[in-house]
């Protein structure tokens, strides 16, 4: 198997949008074993040039084996109730003497003036205030539930690259049952990026690094089998990884793709990124001042408020007006075999309206 063939293997498609069958640990270990078997089939005589990288298939097999064993043992310890040992084992694996995995997990910088979106369920016609669409305040930390990258009682700010991704993350609430807000970063953000790269003609070091750390990306991208359960084993590695990342003050957030959007088996195409910003300060009440300093925000709006304000009129926009919206999601297949540009949708129109709203400082 060539390096490119492995990168294009369907097994490596993440996140997994389908819900697995059977128990979590068996599914995870079986998938990682399949991945290991494919890695072991790499042609050791293949010669490829990757700028800045010395390609050695035997070394790749060894390093990936270390990471797979570390992930499996971490989950085994956690399920055995040894949570502190599980974290320490994952930490020692990621900082292994043979390979410092922190150094190869892709890190990117997001320029200032980038837009993010957040929605919250709210069926009341009264519009929420901006703080109510920020992270849960410290005095209400008892309301913080288990989420993919955060544990009970630990507030984090979850945002997405567009309203559609937010809507999917909340499992498609009724249009009249949520409110939305746009945030824009005013400083450059340092991001730990767990999204898979595109596979172009030319392979670079990002593809090499992606292959080495694919097991950790996979372990963070498994769709929850039982959403109503209090404990979700699919969150073990993501939550431990966030704790590990918080030891590094240079990282502002983690970027990952939504597990609720099927990127591989539908005509829907676009950027479906989620971002989790863990709080960087601790207090008895209020909000993280460091997170506030990163953003400006709009006032929250709802589809109901938008319709009331406009009288339900349908406006005719130029192609240029809709260009920035459609660049985010060129095709959105909400109806089987009927993909449309994002701007055709209610969410696209609401997002366009948000994009035209004034931003103010996040000073709650």
Protein backbone atom coordinates (compact mmCIF):
# COMPACT_ATOMS: atom_id res chain seq x y z
CA UNK A 1 0.00 0.00 0.00
CA UNK A 2 1.33 3.45 -0.89
CA UNK A 3 1.26 6.43 1.42
CA UNK A 4 -1.35 8.18 -0.75
CA UNK A 5 -3.54 5.08 -0.90
CA UNK A 6 -3.57 4.91 2.87
CA UNK A 7 -4.50 8.58 3.17
CA UNK A 8 -7.43 8.00 0.80
CA UNK A 9 -8.67 4.85 2.54
CA UNK A 10 -12.35 5.24 3.60
CA UNK A 11 -11.41 4.01 7.08
CA UNK A 12 -9.62 7.32 7.68
CA UNK A 13 -12.73 9.39 6.98
CA UNK A 14 -13.50 11.30 10.18
CA UNK A 15 -15.66 12.08 11.95
CA UNK A 16 -17.79 8.96 11.78
CA UNK A 17 -21.34 10.20 11.10
CA UNK A 18 -22.92 6.76 11.54
CA UNK A 19 -23.57 5.36 15.00
CA UNK A 20 -21.50 2.29 15.76
CA UNK A 21 -23.00 -1.01 16.95
CA UNK A 22 -22.01 -3.01 19.99
CA UNK A 23 -19.98 -1.73 22.92
CA UNK A 24 -17.70 1.29 22.69
CA UNK A 25 -14.40 -0.31 23.68
CA UNK A 26 -14.77 -3.16 21.19
CA UNK A 27 -15.63 -0.73 18.39
CA UNK A 28 -12.68 1.50 19.17
CA UNK A 29 -10.13 -1.31 19.46
CA UNK A 30 -11.40 -3.05 16.31
CA UNK A 31 -11.18 0.17 14.29
CA UNK A 32 -7.70 0.94 15.57
CA UNK A 33 -6.65 -2.63 14.74
CA UNK A 34 -7.93 -2.20 11.18
CA UNK A 35 -5.96 1.03 10.91
CA UNK A 36 -2.84 -0.65 12.28
CA UNK A 37 -3.19 -3.47 9.75
CA UNK A 38 -3.34 -0.95 6.92
CA UNK A 39 -0.31 0.91 8.24
CA UNK A 40 1.61 -2.38 8.41
CA UNK A 41 0.91 -2.86 4.70
CA UNK A 42 2.78 0.31 3.77
CA UNK A 43 5.40 -0.35 1.13
CA UNK A 44 8.72 -0.08 2.97
CA UNK A 45 10.53 0.45 -0.34
CA UNK A 46 8.34 3.37 -1.46
CA UNK A 47 10.33 6.54 -2.01
CA UNK A 48 8.43 9.80 -1.68
CA UNK A 49 9.63 13.30 -1.01
CA UNK A 50 7.94 15.28 1.74
CA UNK A 51 9.63 18.65 2.33
CA UNK A 52 11.06 18.81 5.84
CA UNK A 53 10.28 15.12 6.53
CA UNK A 54 12.40 12.00 6.20
CA UNK A 55 9.85 9.37 5.17
CA UNK A 56 10.45 6.02 6.91
CA UNK A 57 7.53 3.52 6.77
CA UNK A 58 9.03 1.32 9.51
CA UNK A 59 9.31 4.32 11.83
CA UNK A 60 5.69 5.29 11.06
CA UNK A 61 4.49 1.81 12.00
CA UNK A 62 6.39 1.93 15.29
CA UNK A 63 5.16 5.38 16.31
CA UNK A 64 1.53 4.68 15.43
CA UNK A 65 1.72 1.47 17.47
CA UNK A 66 2.80 3.50 20.52
CA UNK A 67 -0.15 5.87 20.15
CA UNK A 68 -2.71 3.10 19.60
CA UNK A 69 -1.55 1.15 22.64
CA UNK A 70 -1.60 4.34 24.70
CA UNK A 71 -5.18 5.20 23.72
CA UNK A 72 -6.44 1.69 24.41
CA UNK A 73 -4.77 1.52 27.82
CA UNK A 74 -6.04 5.02 28.71
CA UNK A 75 -9.64 4.04 28.04
CA UNK A 76 -9.20 0.72 29.84
CA UNK A 77 -7.92 2.53 32.94
CA UNK A 78 -10.74 5.06 32.79
CA UNK A 79 -13.44 2.41 32.49
CA UNK A 80 -11.82 0.67 35.46
CA UNK A 81 -12.42 3.79 37.56
CA UNK A 82 -8.76 4.86 37.56
CA UNK A 83 -9.37 8.29 36.06
CA UNK A 84 -6.21 9.97 37.33
CA UNK A 85 -4.10 7.07 36.07
CA UNK A 86 -5.89 7.29 32.72
CA UNK A 87 -4.97 10.96 32.35
CA UNK A 88 -1.36 10.34 33.37
CA UNK A 89 -1.10 7.49 30.89
CA UNK A 90 -2.46 9.58 28.03
CA UNK A 91 -0.14 12.42 28.99
CA UNK A 92 2.91 10.17 29.04
CA UNK A 93 1.87 8.64 25.70
CA UNK A 94 1.50 12.02 24.01
CA UNK A 95 4.87 13.07 25.42
CA UNK A 96 6.55 9.75 24.65
CA UNK A 97 10.36 9.66 24.47
CA UNK A 98 10.18 8.22 20.95
CA UNK A 99 7.86 10.94 19.69
CA UNK A 100 6.40 14.11 21.17
CA UNK A 101 2.91 13.94 19.68
CA UNK A 102 2.08 17.45 20.84
CA UNK A 103 4.65 18.68 18.39
CA UNK A 104 2.96 16.99 15.43
CA UNK A 105 -0.74 17.59 16.15
CA UNK A 106 -1.58 20.30 13.66
CA UNK A 107 -1.67 23.78 15.10
CA UNK A 108 -3.00 26.69 13.10
CA UNK A 109 -3.46 30.40 13.59
CA UNK A 110 -6.83 31.99 12.87
CA UNK A 111 -6.58 35.61 11.81
CA UNK A 112 -8.51 38.24 13.69
CA UNK A 113 -11.82 39.33 12.13
CA UNK A 114 -13.02 35.72 11.73
CA UNK A 115 -16.72 35.08 12.39
CA UNK A 116 -18.08 32.36 14.66
CA UNK A 117 -21.66 31.51 15.56
CA UNK A 118 -23.50 30.21 18.57
CA UNK A 119 -27.13 29.29 19.15
CA UNK A 120 -29.13 28.45 22.25
CA UNK A 121 -32.54 26.86 22.63
CA UNK A 122 -35.15 29.43 23.60
CA UNK A 123 -38.81 29.26 22.59
CA UNK A 124 -39.80 32.48 24.37
CA UNK A 125 -40.21 35.51 22.08
CA UNK A 126 -38.13 37.67 24.43
CA UNK A 127 -34.60 37.95 23.05
CA UNK A 128 -31.75 36.74 25.21
CA UNK A 129 -28.88 38.99 26.23
CA UNK A 130 -25.34 38.46 24.84
CA UNK A 131 -24.02 36.99 28.14
CA UNK A 132 -26.74 34.34 27.95
CA UNK A 133 -25.19 33.14 24.67
CA UNK A 134 -21.64 33.14 26.04
CA UNK A 135 -20.33 30.32 28.24
CA UNK A 136 -22.37 29.31 31.30
CA UNK A 137 -21.39 31.71 34.11
CA UNK A 138 -19.27 30.44 36.98
CA UNK A 139 -22.08 30.76 39.54
CA UNK A 140 -24.15 28.34 37.42
CA UNK A 141 -21.38 25.83 36.80
CA UNK A 142 -23.68 23.20 38.31
CA UNK A 143 -25.62 23.40 35.03
CA UNK A 144 -22.57 22.46 32.91
CA UNK A 145 -23.15 18.98 31.55
CA UNK A 146 -20.78 16.50 29.99
CA UNK A 147 -19.83 17.65 26.52
CA UNK A 148 -17.34 16.27 24.04
CA UNK A 149 -14.46 18.41 25.23
CA UNK A 150 -15.56 19.45 28.69
CA UNK A 151 -16.61 17.77 31.91
CA UNK A 152 -19.42 18.42 34.38
CA UNK A 153 -19.02 21.76 36.12
CA UNK A 154 -16.30 23.10 33.79
CA UNK A 155 -17.55 25.93 31.54
CA UNK A 156 -16.37 26.16 27.96
CA UNK A 157 -17.47 28.30 25.03
CA UNK A 158 -18.61 26.20 22.05
CA UNK A 159 -18.97 27.97 18.71
CA UNK A 160 -19.22 26.88 15.07
CA UNK A 161 -18.17 28.15 11.67
CA UNK A 162 -21.80 28.71 10.59
CA UNK A 163 -25.36 28.54 11.89
CA UNK A 164 -26.09 25.29 10.08
CA UNK A 165 -23.41 23.46 12.07
CA UNK A 166 -24.76 24.99 15.28
CA UNK A 167 -28.25 23.79 14.33
CA UNK A 168 -27.03 20.25 13.71
CA UNK A 169 -25.13 20.24 17.01
CA UNK A 170 -28.40 20.98 18.82
CA UNK A 171 -30.07 18.15 16.86
CA UNK A 172 -32.13 20.36 14.56
CA UNK A 173 -34.36 22.38 16.88
CA UNK A 174 -37.51 23.99 15.50
CA UNK A 175 -36.76 27.32 13.81
CA UNK A 176 -38.81 29.13 16.46
CA UNK A 177 -37.03 27.42 19.34
CA UNK A 178 -33.54 28.92 19.24
CA UNK A 179 -31.69 32.24 19.20
CA UNK A 180 -28.38 33.00 17.55
CA UNK A 181 -25.41 35.31 17.97
CA UNK A 182 -22.30 36.07 15.92
CA UNK A 183 -18.89 36.48 17.54
CA UNK A 184 -15.74 37.82 15.90
CA UNK A 185 -12.25 37.41 17.31
CA UNK A 186 -10.27 40.63 17.65
CA UNK A 187 -6.90 38.92 18.14
CA UNK A 188 -5.17 36.03 16.39
CA UNK A 189 -6.16 32.64 17.80
CA UNK A 190 -3.88 29.65 18.39
CA UNK A 191 -5.82 26.51 17.55
CA UNK A 192 -5.17 22.80 18.03
CA UNK A 193 -6.69 21.47 14.81
CA UNK A 194 -8.21 17.97 14.81
CA UNK A 195 -9.77 18.27 11.35
CA UNK A 196 -8.50 16.06 8.50
CA UNK A 197 -6.60 17.73 5.64
CA UNK A 198 -7.61 17.59 2.00
CA UNK A 199 -5.64 15.10 -0.08
CA UNK A 200 -4.23 17.05 -3.06
CA UNK A 201 -1.76 15.89 -5.65
CA UNK A 202 1.22 17.04 -3.61
CA UNK A 203 1.67 15.48 -0.18
CA UNK A 204 3.19 17.71 2.47
CA UNK A 205 4.19 17.42 6.12
CA UNK A 206 0.62 18.04 7.31
CA UNK A 207 -0.50 14.78 5.66
CA UNK A 208 2.43 12.94 7.21
CA UNK A 209 1.60 14.30 10.66
CA UNK A 210 -2.10 13.57 10.16
CA UNK A 211 -1.34 9.91 9.54
CA UNK A 212 0.78 9.69 12.69
CA UNK A 213 -1.89 11.17 14.96
CA UNK A 214 -4.98 9.77 13.21
CA UNK A 215 -5.75 7.44 16.16
CA UNK A 216 -6.21 10.40 18.51
CA UNK A 217 -8.35 12.26 15.94
CA UNK A 218 -10.51 9.17 15.49
CA UNK A 219 -10.87 8.68 19.26
CA UNK A 220 -12.12 12.28 19.51
CA UNK A 221 -14.55 11.98 16.59
CA UNK A 222 -16.83 9.06 17.42
CA UNK A 223 -20.53 9.81 17.31
CA UNK A 224 -22.35 9.27 20.59
CA UNK A 225 -24.35 6.04 20.61
CA UNK A 226 -26.72 6.95 23.47
CA UNK A 227 -27.16 10.75 23.69
CA UNK A 228 -29.45 10.55 26.74
CA UNK A 229 -26.95 8.65 28.89
CA UNK A 230 -25.19 10.62 31.64
CA UNK A 231 -21.83 8.97 30.96
CA UNK A 232 -20.67 8.89 27.34
CA UNK A 233 -17.54 6.78 26.72
CA UNK A 234 -17.07 8.57 23.37
CA UNK A 235 -16.05 11.63 25.41
CA UNK A 236 -13.24 9.99 27.39
CA UNK A 237 -10.34 10.86 25.10
CA UNK A 238 -11.63 14.32 24.06
CA UNK A 239 -12.10 15.37 27.67
CA UNK A 240 -8.69 14.08 28.75
CA UNK A 241 -7.12 15.73 25.72
CA UNK A 242 -8.63 19.09 26.66
CA UNK A 243 -7.17 18.78 30.16
CA UNK A 244 -3.81 18.01 28.58
CA UNK A 245 -4.09 20.99 26.21
CA UNK A 246 -4.93 23.35 29.08
CA UNK A 247 -1.43 22.77 30.42
CA UNK A 248 -0.26 24.82 27.44
CA UNK A 249 -1.29 28.46 27.77
CA UNK A 250 -0.50 29.11 24.11
CA UNK A 251 -3.55 27.16 22.88
CA UNK A 252 -6.83 29.09 22.79
CA UNK A 253 -9.14 26.40 21.50
CA UNK A 254 -9.59 23.04 19.79
CA UNK A 255 -11.11 22.77 16.33
CA UNK A 256 -12.97 19.62 15.28
CA UNK A 257 -15.61 18.60 12.74
CA UNK A 258 -19.20 17.98 13.76
CA UNK A 259 -20.17 14.30 14.05
CA UNK A 260 -23.76 15.29 13.18
CA UNK A 261 -22.99 16.31 9.59
CA UNK A 262 -22.46 13.56 7.04
CA UNK A 263 -19.59 14.93 4.97
CA UNK A 264 -18.99 11.74 3.01
CA UNK A 265 -22.36 10.25 2.07
CA UNK A 266 -24.35 13.28 0.96
CA UNK A 267 -24.08 16.20 -1.45
CA UNK A 268 -23.60 18.59 1.48
CA UNK A 269 -20.23 20.31 1.13
CA UNK A 270 -18.68 23.04 3.21
CA UNK A 271 -16.90 23.88 6.44
CA UNK A 272 -18.59 22.25 9.44
CA UNK A 273 -16.09 23.13 12.14
CA UNK A 274 -16.75 23.38 15.84
CA UNK A 275 -14.46 25.20 18.24
CA UNK A 276 -14.25 24.75 21.99
CA UNK A 277 -12.69 27.51 24.09
CA UNK A 278 -12.09 26.34 27.67
CA UNK A 279 -12.23 29.06 30.30
CA UNK A 280 -8.77 30.30 31.25
CA UNK A 281 -9.70 31.89 34.55
CA UNK A 282 -11.70 30.74 37.57
CA UNK A 283 -14.11 32.81 39.64
CA UNK A 284 -17.13 32.44 41.89
CA UNK A 285 -19.36 34.33 39.46
CA UNK A 286 -19.42 35.97 36.06
CA UNK A 287 -17.50 35.06 32.94
CA UNK A 288 -13.92 34.35 31.93
CA UNK A 289 -12.33 37.74 31.35
CA UNK A 290 -9.66 36.26 29.08
CA UNK A 291 -12.28 34.71 26.78
CA UNK A 292 -14.21 37.97 26.73
CA UNK A 293 -11.09 39.80 25.62
CA UNK A 294 -10.88 37.62 22.50
CA UNK A 295 -14.23 38.58 20.99
CA UNK A 296 -16.75 41.15 19.93
CA UNK A 297 -20.36 40.08 19.40
CA UNK A 298 -23.74 41.01 17.94
CA UNK A 299 -27.02 41.15 19.78
CA UNK A 300 -28.83 37.78 19.77
CA UNK A 301 -31.62 37.35 17.24
CA UNK A 302 -34.24 34.73 16.45
CA UNK A 303 -36.08 33.76 13.28
CA UNK A 304 -39.29 35.00 14.88
CA UNK A 305 -37.76 38.40 15.67
CA UNK A 306 -36.35 38.64 12.16
CA UNK A 307 -39.76 37.95 10.62
CA UNK A 308 -41.49 40.38 12.96
CA UNK A 309 -38.95 43.10 12.16
CA UNK A 310 -39.21 42.61 8.40
CA UNK A 311 -42.91 41.82 8.26
CA UNK A 312 -42.07 38.42 6.79
CA UNK A 313 -41.07 40.05 3.51
CA UNK A 314 -38.84 38.21 1.07
CA UNK A 315 -35.93 40.36 -0.02
CA UNK A 316 -34.15 39.95 -3.32
CA UNK A 317 -30.40 39.86 -2.84
CA UNK A 318 -27.74 40.07 -5.50
CA UNK A 319 -25.37 37.18 -6.20
CA UNK A 320 -22.59 39.26 -4.70
CA UNK A 321 -24.59 39.67 -1.47
CA UNK A 322 -24.94 35.90 -1.15
CA UNK A 323 -21.42 35.01 -2.26
CA UNK A 324 -19.86 35.02 1.21
CA UNK A 325 -22.71 32.90 2.57
CA UNK A 326 -22.51 30.32 -0.23
CA UNK A 327 -18.73 30.09 0.06
CA UNK A 328 -19.23 28.66 3.55
CA UNK A 329 -21.59 25.91 2.36
CA UNK A 330 -21.77 25.64 -1.45
CA UNK A 331 -24.19 22.69 -1.24
CA UNK A 332 -26.67 21.95 1.53
CA UNK A 333 -28.68 18.74 1.10
CA UNK A 334 -31.49 18.94 3.65
CA UNK A 335 -33.82 17.14 1.26
CA UNK A 336 -32.45 13.91 -0.22
CA UNK A 337 -31.01 14.47 -3.71
CA UNK A 338 -31.96 18.16 -3.60
CA UNK A 339 -28.81 20.15 -2.74
CA UNK A 340 -29.11 23.93 -2.76
CA UNK A 341 -26.72 26.81 -1.99
CA UNK A 342 -26.68 27.76 1.68
CA UNK A 343 -28.17 31.18 0.93
CA UNK A 344 -31.42 29.51 -0.17
CA UNK A 345 -32.04 28.21 3.35
CA UNK A 346 -33.62 29.96 6.31
CA UNK A 347 -30.39 29.50 8.26
CA UNK A 348 -28.38 31.09 5.45
CA UNK A 349 -30.67 34.11 5.40
CA UNK A 350 -30.51 34.46 9.16
CA UNK A 351 -26.71 34.20 9.02
CA UNK A 352 -26.55 36.90 6.35
CA UNK A 353 -28.62 39.15 8.63
CA UNK A 354 -26.28 38.43 11.54
CA UNK A 355 -23.27 39.23 9.37
CA UNK A 356 -24.66 42.72 8.75
CA UNK A 357 -25.26 43.47 12.43
CA UNK A 358 -23.06 45.74 14.52
CA UNK A 359 -20.46 44.21 16.83
CA UNK A 360 -19.81 45.37 20.38
CA UNK A 361 -17.22 44.53 23.03
CA UNK A 362 -17.78 41.45 25.17
CA UNK A 363 -17.80 43.20 28.53
CA UNK A 364 -20.35 41.49 30.73
